[in-house]
């Protein structure tokens, strides 16, 4: 476990304290930092995979309507298989 010194506005610290109290600050800030890091990692993943579905190679994903129809068809096929 590492200790650190953080500078924040009084308003932000008061808002945190009103939610979790002074004794809950560290846990709250650690959870908030983890959530932010997870969100940034997700953004990176989305940015890195953007455009990987080629519309010509995968026409079922070309538009929202074609995607919706493809999903419905796949679900119908799955339920037909399960019923057999």
N, C-alpha and C. Protein backbone atom coordinates (compact mmCIF):
# COMPACT_ATOMS: atom_id res chain seq x y z
N UNK A 1 0.85 -1.17 0.00
CA UNK A 1 0.00 0.00 0.00
C UNK A 1 0.90 1.24 0.00
N UNK A 2 0.57 2.19 -0.85
CA UNK A 2 1.34 3.42 -0.96
C UNK A 2 0.53 4.59 -0.45
N UNK A 3 1.20 5.48 0.24
CA UNK A 3 0.55 6.70 0.70
C UNK A 3 0.90 7.82 -0.26
N UNK A 4 -0.04 8.75 -0.43
CA UNK A 4 0.21 9.89 -1.32
C UNK A 4 -0.49 11.12 -0.77
N UNK A 5 -0.11 12.25 -1.29
CA UNK A 5 -0.71 13.52 -0.90
C UNK A 5 -1.46 14.04 -2.12
N UNK A 6 -2.74 14.37 -1.94
CA UNK A 6 -3.57 14.83 -3.06
C UNK A 6 -4.15 16.19 -2.70
N UNK A 7 -4.13 17.09 -3.67
CA UNK A 7 -4.71 18.42 -3.45
C UNK A 7 -6.01 18.50 -4.24
N UNK A 8 -7.10 18.86 -3.53
CA UNK A 8 -8.43 18.98 -4.14
C UNK A 8 -9.09 20.25 -3.65
N UNK A 9 -10.09 20.68 -4.41
CA UNK A 9 -10.85 21.85 -3.99
C UNK A 9 -11.63 21.52 -2.71
N UNK A 10 -11.87 22.54 -1.92
CA UNK A 10 -12.64 22.35 -0.68
C UNK A 10 -14.03 21.81 -0.99
N UNK A 11 -14.64 22.32 -2.08
CA UNK A 11 -16.00 21.90 -2.43
C UNK A 11 -16.04 20.40 -2.75
N UNK A 12 -15.04 19.93 -3.49
CA UNK A 12 -15.01 18.51 -3.85
C UNK A 12 -14.80 17.66 -2.60
N UNK A 13 -13.92 18.05 -1.74
CA UNK A 13 -13.66 17.29 -0.52
C UNK A 13 -14.89 17.26 0.38
N UNK A 14 -15.59 18.37 0.46
CA UNK A 14 -16.81 18.41 1.27
C UNK A 14 -17.88 17.49 0.68
N UNK A 15 -17.98 17.46 -0.64
CA UNK A 15 -18.96 16.58 -1.29
C UNK A 15 -18.63 15.12 -1.01
N UNK A 16 -17.35 14.77 -1.09
CA UNK A 16 -16.93 13.40 -0.80
C UNK A 16 -17.22 13.06 0.66
N UNK A 17 -16.82 13.94 1.55
CA UNK A 17 -17.04 13.70 2.98
C UNK A 17 -18.51 13.57 3.33
N UNK A 18 -19.37 14.34 2.64
CA UNK A 18 -20.80 14.26 2.94
C UNK A 18 -21.36 12.90 2.53
N UNK A 19 -20.73 12.25 1.58
CA UNK A 19 -21.16 10.93 1.12
C UNK A 19 -20.57 9.80 1.96
N UNK A 20 -19.26 9.87 2.20
CA UNK A 20 -18.57 8.72 2.81
C UNK A 20 -17.89 9.02 4.13
N UNK A 21 -17.87 10.29 4.54
CA UNK A 21 -17.20 10.65 5.78
C UNK A 21 -15.69 10.71 5.60
N UNK A 22 -15.02 11.37 6.54
CA UNK A 22 -13.57 11.53 6.46
C UNK A 22 -12.85 10.18 6.47
N UNK A 23 -13.39 9.22 7.21
CA UNK A 23 -12.71 7.93 7.31
C UNK A 23 -12.93 7.05 6.07
N UNK A 24 -13.84 7.49 5.19
CA UNK A 24 -14.08 6.72 3.96
C UNK A 24 -13.43 7.32 2.73
N UNK A 25 -12.67 8.40 2.91
CA UNK A 25 -12.07 9.09 1.77
C UNK A 25 -11.16 8.20 0.94
N UNK A 26 -10.22 7.53 1.58
CA UNK A 26 -9.23 6.74 0.83
C UNK A 26 -9.90 5.68 -0.03
N UNK A 27 -10.82 4.95 0.56
CA UNK A 27 -11.51 3.90 -0.19
C UNK A 27 -12.29 4.50 -1.35
N UNK A 28 -12.99 5.60 -1.09
CA UNK A 28 -13.77 6.26 -2.13
C UNK A 28 -12.87 6.71 -3.28
N UNK A 29 -11.77 7.36 -2.95
CA UNK A 29 -10.86 7.86 -3.99
C UNK A 29 -10.21 6.73 -4.77
N UNK A 30 -9.88 5.64 -4.08
CA UNK A 30 -9.31 4.49 -4.78
C UNK A 30 -10.32 3.88 -5.75
N UNK A 31 -11.57 3.73 -5.30
CA UNK A 31 -12.61 3.18 -6.17
C UNK A 31 -12.87 4.11 -7.36
N UNK A 32 -12.88 5.41 -7.11
CA UNK A 32 -13.10 6.38 -8.19
C UNK A 32 -11.97 6.30 -9.21
N UNK A 33 -10.73 6.17 -8.74
CA UNK A 33 -9.59 6.06 -9.65
C UNK A 33 -9.67 4.78 -10.47
N UNK A 34 -10.07 3.68 -9.83
CA UNK A 34 -10.21 2.41 -10.57
C UNK A 34 -11.29 2.52 -11.65
N UNK A 35 -12.43 3.11 -11.30
CA UNK A 35 -13.51 3.29 -12.27
C UNK A 35 -13.04 4.13 -13.45
N UNK A 36 -12.31 5.20 -13.18
CA UNK A 36 -11.81 6.07 -14.25
C UNK A 36 -10.83 5.31 -15.12
N UNK A 37 -9.92 4.54 -14.53
CA UNK A 37 -8.96 3.76 -15.30
C UNK A 37 -9.67 2.71 -16.16
N UNK A 38 -10.70 2.07 -15.61
CA UNK A 38 -11.48 1.10 -16.39
C UNK A 38 -12.16 1.77 -17.57
N UNK A 39 -12.72 2.96 -17.35
CA UNK A 39 -13.40 3.70 -18.42
C UNK A 39 -12.40 4.10 -19.51
N UNK A 40 -11.20 4.54 -19.10
CA UNK A 40 -10.17 4.90 -20.08
C UNK A 40 -9.71 3.69 -20.88
N UNK A 41 -9.59 2.54 -20.22
CA UNK A 41 -9.20 1.31 -20.91
C UNK A 41 -10.28 0.91 -21.93
N UNK A 42 -11.54 1.06 -21.56
CA UNK A 42 -12.64 0.76 -22.47
C UNK A 42 -12.60 1.70 -23.67
N UNK A 43 -12.38 2.99 -23.43
CA UNK A 43 -12.27 3.95 -24.52
C UNK A 43 -11.13 3.57 -25.46
N UNK A 44 -10.00 3.16 -24.90
CA UNK A 44 -8.86 2.73 -25.73
C UNK A 44 -9.25 1.53 -26.58
N UNK A 45 -9.93 0.57 -25.97
CA UNK A 45 -10.35 -0.63 -26.70
C UNK A 45 -11.30 -0.27 -27.84
N UNK A 46 -12.25 0.59 -27.56
CA UNK A 46 -13.19 1.00 -28.59
C UNK A 46 -12.48 1.74 -29.73
N UNK A 47 -11.55 2.61 -29.37
CA UNK A 47 -10.79 3.35 -30.38
C UNK A 47 -9.94 2.39 -31.22
N UNK A 48 -9.32 1.41 -30.58
CA UNK A 48 -8.44 0.47 -31.28
C UNK A 48 -9.19 -0.51 -32.16
N UNK A 49 -10.46 -0.78 -31.86
CA UNK A 49 -11.22 -1.74 -32.65
C UNK A 49 -12.22 -1.07 -33.58
N UNK A 50 -12.28 0.23 -33.57
CA UNK A 50 -13.20 0.96 -34.42
C UNK A 50 -12.91 0.66 -35.89
N UNK A 51 -13.95 0.30 -36.61
CA UNK A 51 -13.82 0.05 -38.04
C UNK A 51 -13.38 -1.34 -38.43
N UNK A 52 -13.26 -2.27 -37.47
CA UNK A 52 -12.79 -3.61 -37.82
C UNK A 52 -13.84 -4.43 -38.58
N UNK A 53 -15.08 -4.03 -38.50
CA UNK A 53 -16.14 -4.75 -39.21
C UNK A 53 -16.35 -4.10 -40.58
N UNK A 54 -15.77 -4.68 -41.58
CA UNK A 54 -15.87 -4.19 -42.94
C UNK A 54 -17.27 -4.42 -43.48
N UNK A 55 -17.92 -3.37 -43.96
CA UNK A 55 -19.31 -3.47 -44.44
C UNK A 55 -19.42 -4.35 -45.68
N UNK A 56 -18.41 -4.33 -46.53
CA UNK A 56 -18.47 -5.17 -47.73
C UNK A 56 -18.35 -6.65 -47.38
N UNK A 57 -17.46 -6.96 -46.46
CA UNK A 57 -17.26 -8.36 -46.07
C UNK A 57 -18.39 -8.85 -45.15
N UNK A 58 -19.04 -7.93 -44.44
CA UNK A 58 -20.10 -8.27 -43.49
C UNK A 58 -21.31 -7.37 -43.73
N UNK A 59 -22.05 -7.59 -44.83
CA UNK A 59 -23.16 -6.70 -45.15
C UNK A 59 -24.26 -6.67 -44.10
N UNK A 60 -24.32 -7.73 -43.27
CA UNK A 60 -25.35 -7.76 -42.23
C UNK A 60 -25.13 -6.68 -41.17
N UNK A 61 -23.92 -6.08 -41.11
CA UNK A 61 -23.63 -5.03 -40.15
C UNK A 61 -23.52 -3.65 -40.80
N UNK A 62 -23.98 -3.53 -42.04
CA UNK A 62 -23.84 -2.27 -42.78
C UNK A 62 -24.75 -1.18 -42.23
N UNK A 63 -25.96 -1.54 -41.79
CA UNK A 63 -26.90 -0.55 -41.27
C UNK A 63 -27.53 -1.09 -39.99
N UNK A 64 -28.19 -0.22 -39.28
CA UNK A 64 -28.89 -0.66 -38.06
C UNK A 64 -29.98 -1.66 -38.40
N UNK A 65 -30.72 -1.39 -39.47
CA UNK A 65 -31.81 -2.29 -39.85
C UNK A 65 -31.28 -3.67 -40.23
N UNK A 66 -30.21 -3.71 -41.03
CA UNK A 66 -29.66 -5.02 -41.43
C UNK A 66 -29.08 -5.75 -40.23
N UNK A 67 -28.49 -5.02 -39.31
CA UNK A 67 -27.96 -5.65 -38.09
C UNK A 67 -29.09 -6.21 -37.24
N UNK A 68 -30.14 -5.41 -37.07
CA UNK A 68 -31.30 -5.85 -36.29
C UNK A 68 -31.91 -7.12 -36.89
N UNK A 69 -32.05 -7.15 -38.20
CA UNK A 69 -32.62 -8.32 -38.87
C UNK A 69 -31.71 -9.54 -38.73
N UNK A 70 -30.41 -9.32 -38.81
CA UNK A 70 -29.45 -10.41 -38.66
C UNK A 70 -29.53 -11.01 -37.25
N UNK A 71 -29.63 -10.15 -36.23
CA UNK A 71 -29.74 -10.61 -34.84
C UNK A 71 -31.03 -11.40 -34.66
N UNK A 72 -32.15 -10.88 -35.17
CA UNK A 72 -33.43 -11.58 -35.05
C UNK A 72 -33.35 -12.96 -35.70
N UNK A 73 -32.75 -13.01 -36.87
CA UNK A 73 -32.62 -14.28 -37.59
C UNK A 73 -31.75 -15.26 -36.80
N UNK A 74 -30.66 -14.77 -36.25
CA UNK A 74 -29.78 -15.64 -35.45
C UNK A 74 -30.50 -16.16 -34.22
N UNK A 75 -31.28 -15.31 -33.58
CA UNK A 75 -32.02 -15.74 -32.39
C UNK A 75 -33.08 -16.77 -32.74
N UNK A 76 -33.75 -16.55 -33.89
CA UNK A 76 -34.75 -17.53 -34.34
C UNK A 76 -34.09 -18.88 -34.57
N UNK A 77 -32.93 -18.87 -35.21
CA UNK A 77 -32.20 -20.12 -35.48
C UNK A 77 -31.81 -20.81 -34.19
N UNK A 78 -31.37 -20.03 -33.20
CA UNK A 78 -30.99 -20.61 -31.90
C UNK A 78 -32.20 -21.23 -31.21
N UNK A 79 -33.34 -20.55 -31.23
CA UNK A 79 -34.51 -21.08 -30.55
C UNK A 79 -35.05 -22.30 -31.28
N UNK A 80 -34.92 -22.32 -32.62
CA UNK A 80 -35.34 -23.50 -33.38
C UNK A 80 -34.46 -24.68 -33.04
N UNK A 81 -33.16 -24.46 -32.89
CA UNK A 81 -32.22 -25.52 -32.55
C UNK A 81 -32.48 -26.05 -31.15
N UNK A 82 -32.80 -25.15 -30.22
CA UNK A 82 -33.05 -25.55 -28.83
C UNK A 82 -34.34 -26.38 -28.72
N UNK A 83 -35.31 -26.06 -29.57
CA UNK A 83 -36.59 -26.76 -29.53
C UNK A 83 -36.46 -28.19 -30.09
N UNK A 84 -35.47 -28.42 -30.92
CA UNK A 84 -35.32 -29.75 -31.56
C UNK A 84 -34.77 -30.77 -30.62
